[in-house]
Amino acid sequence: MNKVFNFIFGVLLGGLVGAGLALLLAPYSGNELRDELRARTAGFQANLNEAVASRRSELEYQLAQLRKSRPE
């Protein structure tokens, strides 16, 4: 039981120390960080939408080709 308690205490203490260091060493303030995350998310979403549109176009072309070659 003592080993389990020591492990849990170590995990909690390590989490607190890590969170404190993250706050002290963060390269941006809270508002700047949120703005940066929004911009990156918007960029990722735009790239994803572009990839989806491109893949959809390719699949529609392949489907049209398959329909043309299908014997009736």
N, C-alpha and C. Protein backbone atom coordinates (compact mmCIF):
# COMPACT_ATOMS: atom_id res chain seq x y z
N MET A 1 0.82 -1.18 0.00
CA MET A 1 0.00 0.00 0.00
C MET A 1 0.87 1.25 0.00
N ASN A 2 1.98 1.20 0.68
CA ASN A 2 2.87 2.34 0.76
C ASN A 2 3.46 2.66 -0.61
N LYS A 3 3.76 1.62 -1.41
CA LYS A 3 4.33 1.83 -2.73
C LYS A 3 3.31 2.52 -3.66
N VAL A 4 2.05 2.11 -3.55
CA VAL A 4 0.99 2.71 -4.36
C VAL A 4 0.83 4.17 -3.99
N PHE A 5 0.80 4.48 -2.71
CA PHE A 5 0.68 5.86 -2.25
C PHE A 5 1.85 6.70 -2.75
N ASN A 6 3.06 6.18 -2.65
CA ASN A 6 4.23 6.91 -3.13
C ASN A 6 4.17 7.15 -4.64
N PHE A 7 3.69 6.16 -5.37
CA PHE A 7 3.57 6.32 -6.82
C PHE A 7 2.56 7.41 -7.16
N ILE A 8 1.38 7.36 -6.54
CA ILE A 8 0.34 8.35 -6.81
C ILE A 8 0.83 9.75 -6.41
N PHE A 9 1.49 9.85 -5.27
CA PHE A 9 2.04 11.13 -4.83
C PHE A 9 3.07 11.64 -5.84
N GLY A 10 3.91 10.77 -6.35
CA GLY A 10 4.91 11.18 -7.33
C GLY A 10 4.28 11.64 -8.64
N VAL A 11 3.24 10.96 -9.08
CA VAL A 11 2.54 11.36 -10.31
C VAL A 11 1.92 12.74 -10.13
N LEU A 12 1.23 12.94 -9.02
CA LEU A 12 0.60 14.24 -8.76
C LEU A 12 1.63 15.36 -8.63
N LEU A 13 2.69 15.10 -7.91
CA LEU A 13 3.74 16.11 -7.76
C LEU A 13 4.40 16.42 -9.09
N GLY A 14 4.67 15.41 -9.88
CA GLY A 14 5.25 15.62 -11.20
C GLY A 14 4.32 16.41 -12.11
N GLY A 15 3.03 16.14 -12.03
CA GLY A 15 2.06 16.89 -12.82
C GLY A 15 2.02 18.35 -12.42
N LEU A 16 2.06 18.62 -11.13
CA LEU A 16 2.06 20.01 -10.67
C LEU A 16 3.33 20.74 -11.09
N VAL A 17 4.47 20.10 -10.95
CA VAL A 17 5.73 20.72 -11.36
C VAL A 17 5.73 20.97 -12.87
N GLY A 18 5.26 19.99 -13.63
CA GLY A 18 5.19 20.16 -15.09
C GLY A 18 4.27 21.28 -15.50
N ALA A 19 3.11 21.37 -14.86
CA ALA A 19 2.17 22.45 -15.18
C ALA A 19 2.76 23.81 -14.83
N GLY A 20 3.43 23.89 -13.70
CA GLY A 20 4.07 25.15 -13.30
C GLY A 20 5.15 25.57 -14.29
N LEU A 21 5.98 24.63 -14.69
CA LEU A 21 7.02 24.94 -15.67
C LEU A 21 6.42 25.34 -17.01
N ALA A 22 5.35 24.68 -17.41
CA ALA A 22 4.70 25.03 -18.68
C ALA A 22 4.19 26.46 -18.64
N LEU A 23 3.62 26.88 -17.52
CA LEU A 23 3.13 28.25 -17.40
C LEU A 23 4.28 29.26 -17.42
N LEU A 24 5.37 28.92 -16.77
CA LEU A 24 6.50 29.85 -16.71
C LEU A 24 7.25 29.96 -18.04
N LEU A 25 7.30 28.88 -18.77
CA LEU A 25 8.10 28.85 -19.99
C LEU A 25 7.28 28.98 -21.27
N ALA A 26 6.00 29.24 -21.16
CA ALA A 26 5.14 29.36 -22.34
C ALA A 26 5.59 30.54 -23.20
N PRO A 27 5.70 30.34 -24.52
CA PRO A 27 6.20 31.41 -25.39
C PRO A 27 5.17 32.51 -25.66
N TYR A 28 3.90 32.27 -25.36
CA TYR A 28 2.85 33.25 -25.64
C TYR A 28 2.01 33.48 -24.39
N SER A 29 1.34 34.63 -24.36
CA SER A 29 0.36 34.86 -23.30
C SER A 29 -0.90 34.07 -23.66
N GLY A 30 -1.87 34.07 -22.79
CA GLY A 30 -3.09 33.31 -23.02
C GLY A 30 -3.82 33.75 -24.28
N ASN A 31 -3.99 35.06 -24.46
CA ASN A 31 -4.69 35.56 -25.65
C ASN A 31 -3.92 35.27 -26.92
N GLU A 32 -2.62 35.46 -26.89
CA GLU A 32 -1.80 35.17 -28.07
C GLU A 32 -1.84 33.69 -28.42
N LEU A 33 -1.81 32.85 -27.42
CA LEU A 33 -1.84 31.41 -27.64
C LEU A 33 -3.17 30.99 -28.26
N ARG A 34 -4.26 31.53 -27.75
CA ARG A 34 -5.58 31.20 -28.31
C ARG A 34 -5.68 31.68 -29.76
N ASP A 35 -5.17 32.88 -30.05
CA ASP A 35 -5.17 33.38 -31.43
C ASP A 35 -4.34 32.49 -32.34
N GLU A 36 -3.20 32.05 -31.86
CA GLU A 36 -2.32 31.17 -32.64
C GLU A 36 -3.01 29.84 -32.90
N LEU A 37 -3.66 29.29 -31.89
CA LEU A 37 -4.37 28.02 -32.05
C LEU A 37 -5.53 28.17 -33.04
N ARG A 38 -6.25 29.28 -32.97
CA ARG A 38 -7.34 29.52 -33.93
C ARG A 38 -6.81 29.58 -35.36
N ALA A 39 -5.69 30.30 -35.54
CA ALA A 39 -5.12 30.42 -36.88
C ALA A 39 -4.65 29.07 -37.40
N ARG A 40 -4.00 28.29 -36.57
CA ARG A 40 -3.53 26.97 -37.00
C ARG A 40 -4.70 26.04 -37.29
N THR A 41 -5.74 26.13 -36.48
CA THR A 41 -6.93 25.30 -36.70
C THR A 41 -7.60 25.67 -38.01
N ALA A 42 -7.71 26.96 -38.28
CA ALA A 42 -8.32 27.41 -39.53
C ALA A 42 -7.49 26.95 -40.73
N GLY A 43 -6.18 27.03 -40.62
CA GLY A 43 -5.30 26.56 -41.70
C GLY A 43 -5.43 25.07 -41.91
N PHE A 44 -5.48 24.32 -40.83
CA PHE A 44 -5.64 22.87 -40.93
C PHE A 44 -6.97 22.52 -41.56
N GLN A 45 -8.03 23.23 -41.16
CA GLN A 45 -9.35 22.97 -41.71
C GLN A 45 -9.39 23.30 -43.20
N ALA A 46 -8.74 24.38 -43.60
CA ALA A 46 -8.70 24.73 -45.03
C ALA A 46 -7.96 23.66 -45.83
N ASN A 47 -6.83 23.19 -45.30
CA ASN A 47 -6.08 22.13 -45.98
C ASN A 47 -6.90 20.84 -46.06
N LEU A 48 -7.60 20.52 -45.00
CA LEU A 48 -8.42 19.32 -44.98
C LEU A 48 -9.56 19.42 -46.00
N ASN A 49 -10.22 20.58 -46.05
CA ASN A 49 -11.30 20.76 -47.02
C ASN A 49 -10.78 20.66 -48.45
N GLU A 50 -9.60 21.20 -48.69
CA GLU A 50 -9.00 21.12 -50.02
C GLU A 50 -8.69 19.67 -50.39
N ALA A 51 -8.15 18.91 -49.45
CA ALA A 51 -7.83 17.50 -49.70
C ALA A 51 -9.10 16.69 -49.95
N VAL A 52 -10.15 16.98 -49.19
CA VAL A 52 -11.41 16.26 -49.37
C VAL A 52 -12.00 16.57 -50.74
N ALA A 53 -11.97 17.83 -51.14
CA ALA A 53 -12.52 18.21 -52.45
C ALA A 53 -11.72 17.56 -53.58
N SER A 54 -10.42 17.51 -53.43
CA SER A 54 -9.57 16.90 -54.45
C SER A 54 -9.85 15.40 -54.57
N ARG A 55 -9.93 14.74 -53.42
CA ARG A 55 -10.20 13.29 -53.43
C ARG A 55 -11.59 12.99 -53.97
N ARG A 56 -12.56 13.83 -53.63
CA ARG A 56 -13.91 13.63 -54.13
C ARG A 56 -13.94 13.76 -55.65
N SER A 57 -13.21 14.74 -56.17
CA SER A 57 -13.13 14.93 -57.62
C SER A 57 -12.52 13.69 -58.29
N GLU A 58 -11.46 13.17 -57.71
CA GLU A 58 -10.82 11.97 -58.25
C GLU A 58 -11.78 10.78 -58.25
N LEU A 59 -12.50 10.60 -57.16
CA LEU A 59 -13.42 9.47 -57.06
C LEU A 59 -14.60 9.62 -58.02
N GLU A 60 -15.08 10.84 -58.19
CA GLU A 60 -16.17 11.06 -59.14
C GLU A 60 -15.71 10.76 -60.56
N TYR A 61 -14.48 11.12 -60.89
CA TYR A 61 -13.93 10.83 -62.21
C TYR A 61 -13.82 9.32 -62.41
N GLN A 62 -13.30 8.61 -61.41
CA GLN A 62 -13.17 7.16 -61.51
C GLN A 62 -14.54 6.49 -61.65
N LEU A 63 -15.52 7.00 -60.93
CA LEU A 63 -16.87 6.45 -61.03
C LEU A 63 -17.43 6.67 -62.43
N ALA A 64 -17.21 7.84 -63.00
CA ALA A 64 -17.69 8.11 -64.35
C ALA A 64 -17.03 7.18 -65.36
N GLN A 65 -15.72 6.93 -65.17
CA GLN A 65 -15.00 6.03 -66.06
C GLN A 65 -15.54 4.60 -65.95
N LEU A 66 -15.84 4.16 -64.75
CA LEU A 66 -16.37 2.83 -64.53
C LEU A 66 -17.78 2.70 -65.16
N ARG A 67 -18.57 3.74 -65.06
CA ARG A 67 -19.91 3.70 -65.64
C ARG A 67 -19.85 3.67 -67.16
N LYS A 68 -18.86 4.35 -67.75
CA LYS A 68 -18.69 4.34 -69.21
C LYS A 68 -18.30 2.95 -69.70
N SER A 69 -17.42 2.28 -68.96
CA SER A 69 -16.89 0.99 -69.42
C SER A 69 -17.81 -0.17 -69.08
N ARG A 70 -18.87 0.07 -68.35
CA ARG A 70 -19.79 -1.00 -67.95
C ARG A 70 -20.65 -1.42 -69.14
N PRO A 71 -20.66 -2.71 -69.46
CA PRO A 71 -21.50 -3.18 -70.58
C PRO A 71 -22.99 -3.12 -70.19
N GLU A 72 -23.78 -2.75 -71.17
CA GLU A 72 -25.24 -2.65 -70.88
C GLU A 72 -25.99 -3.76 -71.50
